[in-house]
Amino acid sequence: MLKAKKILSLILAASLAAAAFSGCTKEKEEKLPDRITAEDMPYGAITITNKNDYRIPVCYDERFVEEDQLRAVADYLYAVQKMDMELLTATLFPHYDEYTERFLALDLEEFNDFLRAYFVPDPKKDRYKLILAEFTALDDNAEHYGSDILLSQFDALSGDRKTSILDDITKLYAATLDVTVETDGVKSVVRDLIVFLIEYDGKYYIMTM
């Protein structure tokens, strides 16, 4: 448990050390030159900010990111902010408890307790608030981000099951996020946060390594 806490604290401390502001503030599509169509533009060329339809504001290129993917990420980050354990569990990949116990050497309850203690040291004080989650990239070739390791670990979790867990995974993306947070009134940006979006049994779930 001490080893797992040390690893998680290092990851969180490194993430929260970044302090710069996100550049995604547009709420309407940019006007394109007459000779260029939207289909010709790369990811991020046309971005919008949606402040109304999800639990937290999200900035994204709507040509590439699906509503269900946005909702999964927004719900996950909101659950961490509010320490809503029911919502957090619902957003995580269904086999996440098995994954943390086997590969992180702690069970899901211990992991949740650690997050609660880290983000909400004083339950009476709202010291941590998410301002914006910006999708800076969405990659369906996620091997570069370690998805091959992740998939091999999922396969190992299959154990004595008649079929592999992998058989029910239909899509896997690596989403890169810049998350603007406010802590005790001070804004900063957690840059290049990687989360995996896994479509499993018709629904998108979150997985982190």
N, C-alpha and C. Protein backbone atom coordinates (compact mmCIF):
# COMPACT_ATOMS: atom_id res chain seq x y z
N MET A 1 0.82 -1.20 0.00
CA MET A 1 0.00 0.00 0.00
C MET A 1 0.86 1.25 0.00
N LEU A 2 1.96 1.29 0.79
CA LEU A 2 2.84 2.44 0.83
C LEU A 2 3.50 2.66 -0.52
N LYS A 3 3.90 1.55 -1.18
CA LYS A 3 4.52 1.65 -2.48
C LYS A 3 3.54 2.23 -3.49
N ALA A 4 2.30 1.76 -3.48
CA ALA A 4 1.29 2.26 -4.41
C ALA A 4 1.01 3.74 -4.16
N LYS A 5 0.94 4.14 -2.88
CA LYS A 5 0.70 5.54 -2.56
C LYS A 5 1.83 6.42 -3.07
N LYS A 6 3.05 5.93 -2.91
CA LYS A 6 4.21 6.70 -3.37
C LYS A 6 4.15 6.90 -4.87
N ILE A 7 3.83 5.84 -5.62
CA ILE A 7 3.74 5.94 -7.08
C ILE A 7 2.64 6.92 -7.49
N LEU A 8 1.46 6.79 -6.88
CA LEU A 8 0.35 7.66 -7.23
C LEU A 8 0.63 9.11 -6.86
N SER A 9 1.24 9.32 -5.70
CA SER A 9 1.54 10.69 -5.28
C SER A 9 2.54 11.34 -6.22
N LEU A 10 3.52 10.58 -6.70
CA LEU A 10 4.49 11.12 -7.64
C LEU A 10 3.81 11.51 -8.95
N ILE A 11 2.90 10.64 -9.44
CA ILE A 11 2.19 10.92 -10.69
C ILE A 11 1.34 12.17 -10.55
N LEU A 12 0.59 12.26 -9.45
CA LEU A 12 -0.29 13.40 -9.25
C LEU A 12 0.49 14.68 -9.03
N ALA A 13 1.57 14.59 -8.27
CA ALA A 13 2.38 15.77 -8.01
C ALA A 13 2.99 16.29 -9.30
N ALA A 14 3.47 15.39 -10.14
CA ALA A 14 4.07 15.80 -11.41
C ALA A 14 3.03 16.44 -12.32
N SER A 15 1.82 15.88 -12.33
CA SER A 15 0.77 16.42 -13.18
C SER A 15 0.36 17.82 -12.76
N LEU A 16 0.21 18.02 -11.44
CA LEU A 16 -0.29 19.29 -10.94
C LEU A 16 0.79 20.36 -10.87
N ALA A 17 2.03 20.01 -11.20
CA ALA A 17 3.12 20.98 -11.14
C ALA A 17 3.06 21.97 -12.29
N ALA A 18 2.44 21.57 -13.42
CA ALA A 18 2.39 22.46 -14.59
C ALA A 18 1.51 23.65 -14.29
N ALA A 19 1.88 24.83 -14.79
CA ALA A 19 1.10 26.04 -14.51
C ALA A 19 1.08 26.95 -15.73
N ALA A 20 0.16 26.70 -16.66
CA ALA A 20 -0.01 27.56 -17.84
C ALA A 20 -1.47 27.50 -18.22
N PHE A 21 -1.93 28.46 -19.01
CA PHE A 21 -3.35 28.51 -19.32
C PHE A 21 -3.67 27.88 -20.66
N SER A 22 -4.81 27.24 -20.74
CA SER A 22 -5.22 26.57 -21.97
C SER A 22 -5.56 27.59 -23.05
N GLY A 23 -5.25 27.24 -24.30
CA GLY A 23 -5.52 28.15 -25.40
C GLY A 23 -6.83 27.89 -26.08
N CYS A 24 -7.63 26.97 -25.58
CA CYS A 24 -8.89 26.62 -26.25
C CYS A 24 -10.02 27.39 -25.62
N THR A 25 -10.38 28.53 -26.18
CA THR A 25 -11.42 29.36 -25.60
C THR A 25 -12.53 29.66 -26.58
N LYS A 26 -12.40 29.23 -27.82
CA LYS A 26 -13.40 29.54 -28.84
C LYS A 26 -14.67 28.73 -28.60
N GLU A 27 -15.81 29.39 -28.74
CA GLU A 27 -17.09 28.72 -28.56
C GLU A 27 -17.81 28.54 -29.88
N LYS A 28 -17.25 29.06 -30.97
CA LYS A 28 -17.84 28.85 -32.30
C LYS A 28 -16.73 28.42 -33.25
N GLU A 29 -17.11 27.75 -34.31
CA GLU A 29 -16.14 27.29 -35.28
C GLU A 29 -15.46 28.47 -35.96
N GLU A 30 -14.15 28.32 -36.26
CA GLU A 30 -13.44 29.34 -36.99
C GLU A 30 -13.94 29.38 -38.43
N LYS A 31 -13.92 30.57 -39.04
CA LYS A 31 -14.30 30.69 -40.45
C LYS A 31 -13.14 30.20 -41.31
N LEU A 32 -13.44 29.29 -42.22
CA LEU A 32 -12.41 28.70 -43.05
C LEU A 32 -12.27 29.44 -44.38
N PRO A 33 -11.06 29.48 -44.92
CA PRO A 33 -10.89 30.04 -46.27
C PRO A 33 -11.74 29.27 -47.27
N ASP A 34 -12.14 29.95 -48.36
CA ASP A 34 -13.06 29.36 -49.34
C ASP A 34 -12.50 28.10 -49.98
N ARG A 35 -11.20 27.99 -50.14
CA ARG A 35 -10.61 26.89 -50.87
C ARG A 35 -10.28 25.68 -49.99
N ILE A 36 -10.54 25.80 -48.71
CA ILE A 36 -10.24 24.70 -47.79
C ILE A 36 -11.52 24.22 -47.14
N THR A 37 -11.77 22.92 -47.16
CA THR A 37 -12.95 22.37 -46.50
C THR A 37 -12.57 21.82 -45.14
N ALA A 38 -13.56 21.60 -44.31
CA ALA A 38 -13.32 21.09 -42.97
C ALA A 38 -12.64 19.73 -43.00
N GLU A 39 -12.98 18.94 -44.03
CA GLU A 39 -12.41 17.60 -44.13
C GLU A 39 -10.90 17.64 -44.38
N ASP A 40 -10.41 18.76 -44.91
CA ASP A 40 -8.99 18.88 -45.22
C ASP A 40 -8.15 19.29 -44.00
N MET A 41 -8.80 19.74 -42.97
CA MET A 41 -8.09 20.30 -41.82
C MET A 41 -7.73 19.20 -40.82
N PRO A 42 -6.57 19.29 -40.18
CA PRO A 42 -6.18 18.29 -39.17
C PRO A 42 -6.93 18.49 -37.86
N TYR A 43 -6.76 17.51 -36.97
CA TYR A 43 -7.42 17.63 -35.66
C TYR A 43 -6.96 18.91 -34.96
N GLY A 44 -7.92 19.60 -34.37
CA GLY A 44 -7.63 20.81 -33.61
C GLY A 44 -7.74 22.08 -34.40
N ALA A 45 -7.90 21.98 -35.73
CA ALA A 45 -8.01 23.18 -36.55
C ALA A 45 -9.35 23.88 -36.32
N ILE A 46 -10.36 23.11 -35.99
CA ILE A 46 -11.69 23.66 -35.72
C ILE A 46 -12.14 23.16 -34.35
N THR A 47 -12.14 24.02 -33.38
CA THR A 47 -12.51 23.58 -32.03
C THR A 47 -13.67 24.41 -31.49
N ILE A 48 -14.44 23.79 -30.62
CA ILE A 48 -15.52 24.49 -29.94
C ILE A 48 -15.42 24.20 -28.45
N THR A 49 -15.98 25.08 -27.66
CA THR A 49 -16.07 24.87 -26.22
C THR A 49 -17.54 24.72 -25.84
N ASN A 50 -17.86 23.63 -25.17
CA ASN A 50 -19.22 23.34 -24.76
C ASN A 50 -19.29 23.44 -23.23
N LYS A 51 -20.03 24.40 -22.76
CA LYS A 51 -20.12 24.63 -21.31
C LYS A 51 -21.44 24.13 -20.72
N ASN A 52 -22.31 23.59 -21.56
CA ASN A 52 -23.67 23.31 -21.10
C ASN A 52 -24.09 21.85 -21.07
N ASP A 53 -23.53 21.02 -21.94
CA ASP A 53 -24.08 19.69 -22.13
C ASP A 53 -23.40 18.58 -21.33
N TYR A 54 -22.31 18.92 -20.63
CA TYR A 54 -21.57 17.91 -19.87
C TYR A 54 -21.31 18.42 -18.45
N ARG A 55 -20.85 17.54 -17.61
CA ARG A 55 -20.69 17.89 -16.18
C ARG A 55 -19.61 18.94 -15.96
N ILE A 56 -18.66 19.04 -16.87
CA ILE A 56 -17.65 20.09 -16.83
C ILE A 56 -17.50 20.65 -18.24
N PRO A 57 -17.02 21.89 -18.41
CA PRO A 57 -16.80 22.43 -19.75
C PRO A 57 -15.75 21.61 -20.50
N VAL A 58 -15.99 21.38 -21.78
CA VAL A 58 -15.05 20.61 -22.61
C VAL A 58 -14.78 21.37 -23.90
N CYS A 59 -13.54 21.28 -24.36
CA CYS A 59 -13.12 21.89 -25.62
C CYS A 59 -12.61 20.78 -26.52
N TYR A 60 -13.07 20.76 -27.79
CA TYR A 60 -12.76 19.61 -28.64
C TYR A 60 -13.02 19.95 -30.10
N ASP A 61 -12.54 19.09 -30.96
CA ASP A 61 -12.82 19.18 -32.39
C ASP A 61 -13.96 18.21 -32.67
N GLU A 62 -15.14 18.76 -32.92
CA GLU A 62 -16.34 17.92 -33.04
C GLU A 62 -16.34 17.04 -34.28
N ARG A 63 -15.40 17.26 -35.20
CA ARG A 63 -15.30 16.38 -36.36
C ARG A 63 -14.73 15.01 -35.98
N PHE A 64 -14.04 14.95 -34.85
CA PHE A 64 -13.34 13.72 -34.47
C PHE A 64 -13.85 13.09 -33.17
N VAL A 65 -14.31 13.90 -32.23
CA VAL A 65 -14.67 13.40 -30.90
C VAL A 65 -16.17 13.18 -30.81
N GLU A 66 -16.57 11.99 -30.36
CA GLU A 66 -17.98 11.64 -30.24
C GLU A 66 -18.55 12.11 -28.91
N GLU A 67 -19.86 12.28 -28.88
CA GLU A 67 -20.53 12.73 -27.66
C GLU A 67 -20.30 11.76 -26.51
N ASP A 68 -20.37 10.46 -26.79
CA ASP A 68 -20.19 9.46 -25.73
C ASP A 68 -18.77 9.50 -25.16
N GLN A 69 -17.80 9.82 -26.00
CA GLN A 69 -16.42 9.94 -25.53
C GLN A 69 -16.27 11.17 -24.63
N LEU A 70 -16.88 12.27 -25.04
CA LEU A 70 -16.85 13.48 -24.23
C LEU A 70 -17.51 13.25 -22.87
N ARG A 71 -18.64 12.58 -22.90
CA ARG A 71 -19.37 12.35 -21.66
C ARG A 71 -18.58 11.45 -20.71
N ALA A 72 -17.92 10.45 -21.24
CA ALA A 72 -17.13 9.55 -20.40
C ALA A 72 -16.00 10.30 -19.69
N VAL A 73 -15.28 11.14 -20.44
CA VAL A 73 -14.17 11.90 -19.86
C VAL A 73 -14.69 12.93 -18.87
N ALA A 74 -15.74 13.65 -19.24
CA ALA A 74 -16.29 14.68 -18.35
C ALA A 74 -16.80 14.07 -17.04
N ASP A 75 -17.50 12.94 -17.14
CA ASP A 75 -18.01 12.28 -15.94
C ASP A 75 -16.87 11.78 -15.05
N TYR A 76 -15.83 11.25 -15.67
CA TYR A 76 -14.67 10.75 -14.91
C TYR A 76 -14.00 11.88 -14.14
N LEU A 77 -13.70 12.99 -14.82
CA LEU A 77 -13.01 14.10 -14.16
C LEU A 77 -13.90 14.74 -13.10
N TYR A 78 -15.19 14.84 -13.39
CA TYR A 78 -16.13 15.40 -12.41
C TYR A 78 -16.19 14.52 -11.16
N ALA A 79 -16.21 13.21 -11.38
CA ALA A 79 -16.26 12.28 -10.25
C ALA A 79 -15.03 12.42 -9.36
N VAL A 80 -13.86 12.61 -9.98
CA VAL A 80 -12.64 12.82 -9.20
C VAL A 80 -12.73 14.12 -8.42
N GLN A 81 -13.22 15.18 -9.08
CA GLN A 81 -13.35 16.47 -8.41
C GLN A 81 -14.27 16.39 -7.20
N LYS A 82 -15.43 15.78 -7.40
CA LYS A 82 -16.44 15.72 -6.34
C LYS A 82 -16.28 14.52 -5.43
N MET A 83 -15.33 13.63 -5.78
CA MET A 83 -15.15 12.38 -5.05
C MET A 83 -16.46 11.62 -4.95
N ASP A 84 -17.14 11.55 -6.08
CA ASP A 84 -18.38 10.79 -6.20
C ASP A 84 -18.00 9.36 -6.55
N MET A 85 -17.94 8.50 -5.55
CA MET A 85 -17.44 7.15 -5.76
C MET A 85 -18.35 6.32 -6.67
N GLU A 86 -19.64 6.56 -6.59
CA GLU A 86 -20.58 5.82 -7.43
C GLU A 86 -20.37 6.17 -8.89
N LEU A 87 -20.25 7.47 -9.18
CA LEU A 87 -20.03 7.91 -10.55
C LEU A 87 -18.64 7.49 -11.03
N LEU A 88 -17.64 7.60 -10.17
CA LEU A 88 -16.29 7.21 -10.55
C LEU A 88 -16.24 5.74 -10.97
N THR A 89 -16.85 4.89 -10.17
CA THR A 89 -16.86 3.46 -10.48
C THR A 89 -17.60 3.20 -11.79
N ALA A 90 -18.67 3.97 -12.04
CA ALA A 90 -19.46 3.78 -13.26
C ALA A 90 -18.70 4.20 -14.51
N THR A 91 -17.76 5.14 -14.38
CA THR A 91 -17.02 5.61 -15.55
C THR A 91 -15.80 4.76 -15.86
N LEU A 92 -15.29 4.05 -14.86
CA LEU A 92 -14.09 3.24 -15.05
C LEU A 92 -14.43 1.92 -15.75
N PHE A 93 -13.46 1.41 -16.48
CA PHE A 93 -13.62 0.13 -17.16
C PHE A 93 -14.07 -0.94 -16.17
N PRO A 94 -15.06 -1.76 -16.52
CA PRO A 94 -15.64 -2.72 -15.57
C PRO A 94 -14.63 -3.62 -14.86
N HIS A 95 -13.49 -3.89 -15.46
CA HIS A 95 -12.49 -4.76 -14.83
C HIS A 95 -11.39 -3.98 -14.13
N TYR A 96 -11.67 -2.70 -13.85
CA TYR A 96 -10.65 -1.84 -13.26
C TYR A 96 -10.24 -2.33 -11.87
N ASP A 97 -11.20 -2.84 -11.09
CA ASP A 97 -10.87 -3.33 -9.75
C ASP A 97 -9.88 -4.49 -9.82
N GLU A 98 -10.08 -5.39 -10.78
CA GLU A 98 -9.15 -6.50 -10.96
C GLU A 98 -7.78 -6.00 -11.40
N TYR A 99 -7.79 -4.99 -12.27
CA TYR A 99 -6.54 -4.43 -12.78
C TYR A 99 -5.72 -3.80 -11.66
N THR A 100 -6.36 -2.96 -10.83
CA THR A 100 -5.61 -2.28 -9.76
C THR A 100 -5.08 -3.28 -8.73
N GLU A 101 -5.87 -4.30 -8.43
CA GLU A 101 -5.43 -5.28 -7.44
C GLU A 101 -4.25 -6.08 -7.94
N ARG A 102 -4.28 -6.46 -9.21
CA ARG A 102 -3.22 -7.33 -9.73
C ARG A 102 -1.97 -6.56 -10.14
N PHE A 103 -2.16 -5.39 -10.79
CA PHE A 103 -1.01 -4.71 -11.36
C PHE A 103 -0.55 -3.48 -10.58
N LEU A 104 -1.39 -2.97 -9.68
CA LEU A 104 -0.99 -1.84 -8.84
C LEU A 104 -0.87 -2.24 -7.37
N ALA A 105 -1.19 -3.46 -7.07
CA ALA A 105 -1.07 -4.02 -5.71
C ALA A 105 -1.93 -3.28 -4.70
N LEU A 106 -3.11 -2.85 -5.10
CA LEU A 106 -4.08 -2.29 -4.16
C LEU A 106 -5.47 -2.51 -4.73
N ASP A 107 -6.44 -2.58 -3.83
CA ASP A 107 -7.80 -2.80 -4.34
C ASP A 107 -8.46 -1.45 -4.63
N LEU A 108 -9.62 -1.51 -5.26
CA LEU A 108 -10.28 -0.29 -5.72
C LEU A 108 -10.67 0.60 -4.55
N GLU A 109 -11.06 0.01 -3.43
CA GLU A 109 -11.44 0.80 -2.26
C GLU A 109 -10.24 1.58 -1.72
N GLU A 110 -9.09 0.94 -1.68
CA GLU A 110 -7.88 1.63 -1.23
C GLU A 110 -7.51 2.76 -2.19
N PHE A 111 -7.67 2.50 -3.48
CA PHE A 111 -7.37 3.53 -4.48
C PHE A 111 -8.31 4.72 -4.32
N ASN A 112 -9.59 4.46 -4.12
CA ASN A 112 -10.56 5.53 -3.93
C ASN A 112 -10.27 6.32 -2.65
N ASP A 113 -9.89 5.62 -1.59
CA ASP A 113 -9.55 6.28 -0.32
C ASP A 113 -8.37 7.21 -0.50
N PHE A 114 -7.38 6.77 -1.32
CA PHE A 114 -6.21 7.60 -1.56
C PHE A 114 -6.60 8.87 -2.32
N LEU A 115 -7.44 8.73 -3.37
CA LEU A 115 -7.87 9.89 -4.12
C LEU A 115 -8.66 10.85 -3.24
N ARG A 116 -9.50 10.32 -2.39
CA ARG A 116 -10.31 11.15 -1.50
C ARG A 116 -9.41 11.97 -0.57
N ALA A 117 -8.42 11.32 0.00
CA ALA A 117 -7.51 11.99 0.92
C ALA A 117 -6.66 13.04 0.20
N TYR A 118 -6.30 12.76 -1.04
CA TYR A 118 -5.44 13.69 -1.78
C TYR A 118 -6.20 14.94 -2.22
N PHE A 119 -7.38 14.75 -2.82
CA PHE A 119 -8.10 15.87 -3.39
C PHE A 119 -8.99 16.61 -2.39
N VAL A 120 -9.41 15.93 -1.34
CA VAL A 120 -10.32 16.56 -0.39
C VAL A 120 -9.77 16.40 1.03
N PRO A 121 -8.63 17.03 1.35
CA PRO A 121 -8.08 16.93 2.71
C PRO A 121 -9.00 17.59 3.73
N ASP A 122 -9.74 18.60 3.29
CA ASP A 122 -10.70 19.27 4.16
C ASP A 122 -12.05 19.25 3.47
N PRO A 123 -12.94 18.32 3.86
CA PRO A 123 -14.22 18.18 3.17
C PRO A 123 -15.08 19.45 3.20
N LYS A 124 -14.81 20.36 4.15
CA LYS A 124 -15.61 21.56 4.27
C LYS A 124 -15.15 22.67 3.31
N LYS A 125 -14.03 22.44 2.64
CA LYS A 125 -13.46 23.47 1.78
C LYS A 125 -13.39 22.97 0.34
N ASP A 126 -14.05 23.70 -0.56
CA ASP A 126 -14.03 23.32 -1.98
C ASP A 126 -12.75 23.88 -2.59
N ARG A 127 -11.65 23.16 -2.44
CA ARG A 127 -10.34 23.69 -2.82
C ARG A 127 -9.91 23.27 -4.22
N TYR A 128 -10.65 22.38 -4.85
CA TYR A 128 -10.25 21.83 -6.14
C TYR A 128 -11.43 21.91 -7.09
N LYS A 129 -11.26 22.65 -8.19
CA LYS A 129 -12.35 22.82 -9.14
C LYS A 129 -11.84 22.71 -10.56
N LEU A 130 -12.54 21.94 -11.38
CA LEU A 130 -12.19 21.80 -12.79
C LEU A 130 -12.83 22.92 -13.60
N ILE A 131 -12.00 23.63 -14.36
CA ILE A 131 -12.49 24.76 -15.15
C ILE A 131 -12.76 24.34 -16.59
N LEU A 132 -11.87 23.51 -17.17
CA LEU A 132 -12.00 23.13 -18.57
C LEU A 132 -11.17 21.88 -18.85
N ALA A 133 -11.73 20.98 -19.66
CA ALA A 133 -10.98 19.83 -20.17
C ALA A 133 -10.88 19.98 -21.68
N GLU A 134 -9.66 20.14 -22.19
CA GLU A 134 -9.45 20.32 -23.63
C GLU A 134 -8.87 19.05 -24.24
N PHE A 135 -9.56 18.50 -25.23
CA PHE A 135 -9.05 17.36 -26.00
C PHE A 135 -8.05 17.89 -27.02
N THR A 136 -6.76 17.71 -26.77
CA THR A 136 -5.76 18.20 -27.72
C THR A 136 -5.43 17.15 -28.78
N ALA A 137 -5.78 15.89 -28.52
CA ALA A 137 -5.56 14.83 -29.51
C ALA A 137 -6.44 13.64 -29.16
N LEU A 138 -6.81 12.88 -30.19
CA LEU A 138 -7.54 11.64 -30.02
C LEU A 138 -6.99 10.65 -31.03
N ASP A 139 -6.33 9.61 -30.55
CA ASP A 139 -5.58 8.71 -31.42
C ASP A 139 -6.15 7.30 -31.34
N ASP A 140 -6.58 6.76 -32.50
CA ASP A 140 -7.09 5.39 -32.50
C ASP A 140 -5.96 4.38 -32.68
N ASN A 141 -4.74 4.85 -32.89
CA ASN A 141 -3.56 3.98 -32.90
C ASN A 141 -2.83 4.23 -31.59
N ALA A 142 -3.34 3.60 -30.53
CA ALA A 142 -2.92 3.94 -29.17
C ALA A 142 -1.69 3.17 -28.68
N GLU A 143 -1.09 2.36 -29.55
CA GLU A 143 0.05 1.54 -29.11
C GLU A 143 1.21 2.41 -28.61
N HIS A 144 1.39 3.57 -29.23
CA HIS A 144 2.45 4.49 -28.83
C HIS A 144 2.31 4.91 -27.36
N TYR A 145 1.08 4.86 -26.85
CA TYR A 145 0.80 5.31 -25.49
C TYR A 145 0.78 4.15 -24.49
N GLY A 146 1.10 2.95 -24.96
CA GLY A 146 1.16 1.81 -24.06
C GLY A 146 -0.07 0.92 -24.09
N SER A 147 -0.90 1.08 -25.12
CA SER A 147 -2.11 0.27 -25.17
C SER A 147 -1.81 -1.21 -25.34
N ASP A 148 -0.67 -1.53 -25.99
CA ASP A 148 -0.32 -2.94 -26.16
C ASP A 148 -0.06 -3.61 -24.82
N ILE A 149 0.57 -2.87 -23.90
CA ILE A 149 0.79 -3.39 -22.54
C ILE A 149 -0.54 -3.54 -21.83
N LEU A 150 -1.39 -2.53 -21.99
CA LEU A 150 -2.70 -2.55 -21.36
C LEU A 150 -3.52 -3.74 -21.82
N LEU A 151 -3.53 -3.98 -23.12
CA LEU A 151 -4.31 -5.09 -23.67
C LEU A 151 -3.77 -6.45 -23.22
N SER A 152 -2.46 -6.58 -23.11
CA SER A 152 -1.88 -7.84 -22.64
C SER A 152 -2.25 -8.08 -21.18
N GLN A 153 -2.35 -6.99 -20.41
CA GLN A 153 -2.75 -7.13 -19.01
C GLN A 153 -4.22 -7.51 -18.90
N PHE A 154 -5.06 -6.93 -19.74
CA PHE A 154 -6.46 -7.32 -19.77
C PHE A 154 -6.61 -8.79 -20.12
N ASP A 155 -5.83 -9.21 -21.10
CA ASP A 155 -5.90 -10.61 -21.52
C ASP A 155 -5.51 -11.52 -20.37
N ALA A 156 -4.50 -11.10 -19.59
CA ALA A 156 -4.07 -11.90 -18.44
C ALA A 156 -5.16 -11.97 -17.37
N LEU A 157 -5.99 -10.93 -17.30
CA LEU A 157 -7.09 -10.93 -16.34
C LEU A 157 -8.19 -11.91 -16.73
N SER A 158 -8.20 -12.30 -17.98
CA SER A 158 -9.26 -13.20 -18.46
C SER A 158 -9.25 -14.52 -17.72
N GLY A 159 -8.05 -14.99 -17.34
CA GLY A 159 -7.93 -16.19 -16.52
C GLY A 159 -8.67 -17.38 -17.08
N ASP A 160 -9.57 -17.91 -16.26
CA ASP A 160 -10.32 -19.11 -16.64
C ASP A 160 -11.63 -18.80 -17.37
N ARG A 161 -11.84 -17.54 -17.72
CA ARG A 161 -13.05 -17.21 -18.47
C ARG A 161 -13.04 -17.95 -19.81
N LYS A 162 -14.23 -18.25 -20.30
CA LYS A 162 -14.34 -18.97 -21.57
C LYS A 162 -13.86 -18.11 -22.74
N THR A 163 -14.03 -16.80 -22.62
CA THR A 163 -13.58 -15.88 -23.67
C THR A 163 -12.69 -14.80 -23.05
N SER A 164 -11.85 -14.20 -23.86
CA SER A 164 -10.97 -13.14 -23.39
C SER A 164 -11.75 -11.84 -23.21
N ILE A 165 -11.32 -11.05 -22.23
CA ILE A 165 -11.90 -9.72 -22.05
C ILE A 165 -11.76 -8.91 -23.33
N LEU A 166 -10.69 -9.16 -24.06
CA LEU A 166 -10.42 -8.40 -25.28
C LEU A 166 -11.51 -8.60 -26.33
N ASP A 167 -12.20 -9.73 -26.28
CA ASP A 167 -13.22 -10.02 -27.29
C ASP A 167 -14.36 -9.01 -27.24
N ASP A 168 -14.60 -8.40 -26.08
CA ASP A 168 -15.71 -7.47 -25.92
C ASP A 168 -15.29 -6.01 -26.07
N ILE A 169 -14.00 -5.76 -26.33
CA ILE A 169 -13.52 -4.40 -26.58
C ILE A 169 -13.61 -4.14 -28.08
N THR A 170 -14.45 -3.17 -28.47
CA THR A 170 -14.66 -2.91 -29.89
C THR A 170 -13.83 -1.73 -30.40
N LYS A 171 -13.51 -0.78 -29.51
CA LYS A 171 -12.70 0.37 -29.91
C LYS A 171 -11.80 0.77 -28.74
N LEU A 172 -10.63 1.31 -29.08
CA LEU A 172 -9.69 1.78 -28.05
C LEU A 172 -8.99 3.03 -28.57
N TYR A 173 -9.13 4.12 -27.85
CA TYR A 173 -8.50 5.39 -28.22
C TYR A 173 -7.64 5.89 -27.06
N ALA A 174 -6.61 6.63 -27.42
CA ALA A 174 -5.83 7.37 -26.43
C ALA A 174 -6.19 8.84 -26.58
N ALA A 175 -6.75 9.42 -25.53
CA ALA A 175 -7.11 10.85 -25.54
C ALA A 175 -6.06 11.63 -24.77
N THR A 176 -5.58 12.70 -25.37
CA THR A 176 -4.64 13.59 -24.70
C THR A 176 -5.41 14.83 -24.26
N LEU A 177 -5.29 15.17 -22.99
CA LEU A 177 -6.08 16.25 -22.41
C LEU A 177 -5.19 17.31 -21.76
N ASP A 178 -5.60 18.57 -21.90
CA ASP A 178 -5.09 19.65 -21.07
C ASP A 178 -6.24 20.04 -20.14
N VAL A 179 -6.04 19.88 -18.84
CA VAL A 179 -7.11 20.11 -17.88
C VAL A 179 -6.78 21.33 -17.03
N THR A 180 -7.61 22.36 -17.15
CA THR A 180 -7.43 23.56 -16.35
C THR A 180 -8.13 23.37 -15.01
N VAL A 181 -7.38 23.56 -13.94
CA VAL A 181 -7.92 23.38 -12.59
C VAL A 181 -7.70 24.66 -11.79
N GLU A 182 -8.53 24.83 -10.79
CA GLU A 182 -8.38 25.94 -9.86
C GLU A 182 -8.27 25.37 -8.45
N THR A 183 -7.17 25.67 -7.78
CA THR A 183 -6.94 25.17 -6.42
C THR A 183 -6.73 26.36 -5.50
N ASP A 184 -7.62 26.52 -4.53
CA ASP A 184 -7.55 27.66 -3.61
C ASP A 184 -7.45 28.98 -4.36
N GLY A 185 -8.20 29.10 -5.47
CA GLY A 185 -8.25 30.33 -6.23
C GLY A 185 -7.16 30.52 -7.24
N VAL A 186 -6.21 29.59 -7.34
CA VAL A 186 -5.10 29.69 -8.28
C VAL A 186 -5.31 28.71 -9.42
N LYS A 187 -5.28 29.22 -10.67
CA LYS A 187 -5.49 28.37 -11.83
C LYS A 187 -4.17 27.82 -12.36
N SER A 188 -4.20 26.59 -12.83
CA SER A 188 -3.06 25.97 -13.47
C SER A 188 -3.59 24.96 -14.48
N VAL A 189 -2.69 24.42 -15.30
CA VAL A 189 -3.10 23.47 -16.33
C VAL A 189 -2.30 22.18 -16.18
N VAL A 190 -3.01 21.07 -16.06
CA VAL A 190 -2.40 19.75 -16.12
C VAL A 190 -2.32 19.39 -17.60
N ARG A 191 -1.12 19.40 -18.16
CA ARG A 191 -0.96 19.22 -19.59
C ARG A 191 -0.66 17.76 -19.96
N ASP A 192 -1.14 17.39 -21.15
CA ASP A 192 -0.82 16.08 -21.75
C ASP A 192 -1.20 14.91 -20.84
N LEU A 193 -2.36 15.03 -20.21
CA LEU A 193 -2.89 13.91 -19.43
C LEU A 193 -3.45 12.87 -20.40
N ILE A 194 -2.98 11.64 -20.30
CA ILE A 194 -3.42 10.57 -21.20
C ILE A 194 -4.44 9.68 -20.50
N VAL A 195 -5.59 9.51 -21.12
CA VAL A 195 -6.57 8.54 -20.65
C VAL A 195 -6.97 7.67 -21.83
N PHE A 196 -7.25 6.42 -21.56
CA PHE A 196 -7.73 5.52 -22.61
C PHE A 196 -9.25 5.49 -22.59
N LEU A 197 -9.83 5.62 -23.77
CA LEU A 197 -11.27 5.48 -23.95
C LEU A 197 -11.53 4.12 -24.58
N ILE A 198 -12.25 3.28 -23.84
CA ILE A 198 -12.48 1.91 -24.29
C ILE A 198 -13.97 1.71 -24.52
N GLU A 199 -14.31 1.33 -25.75
CA GLU A 199 -15.70 0.97 -26.02
C GLU A 199 -15.87 -0.51 -25.71
N TYR A 200 -16.70 -0.78 -24.74
CA TYR A 200 -16.87 -2.14 -24.23
C TYR A 200 -18.36 -2.38 -24.02
N ASP A 201 -18.88 -3.39 -24.67
CA ASP A 201 -20.29 -3.72 -24.54
C ASP A 201 -21.18 -2.51 -24.86
N GLY A 202 -20.78 -1.76 -25.90
CA GLY A 202 -21.60 -0.67 -26.39
C GLY A 202 -21.48 0.64 -25.64
N LYS A 203 -20.52 0.76 -24.71
CA LYS A 203 -20.39 1.98 -23.92
C LYS A 203 -18.91 2.32 -23.76
N TYR A 204 -18.62 3.63 -23.70
CA TYR A 204 -17.24 4.07 -23.49
C TYR A 204 -16.92 4.15 -21.99
N TYR A 205 -15.76 3.61 -21.64
CA TYR A 205 -15.26 3.66 -20.27
C TYR A 205 -13.85 4.24 -20.27
N ILE A 206 -13.43 4.66 -19.09
CA ILE A 206 -12.09 5.24 -18.90
C ILE A 206 -11.16 4.22 -18.29
N MET A 207 -9.91 4.27 -18.77
CA MET A 207 -8.85 3.44 -18.17
C MET A 207 -7.57 4.25 -18.15
N THR A 208 -6.85 4.21 -17.05
CA THR A 208 -5.55 4.85 -16.95
C THR A 208 -4.54 3.81 -16.51
N MET A 209 -3.29 4.03 -16.88
CA MET A 209 -2.22 3.09 -16.52
C MET A 209 -1.48 3.60 -15.29
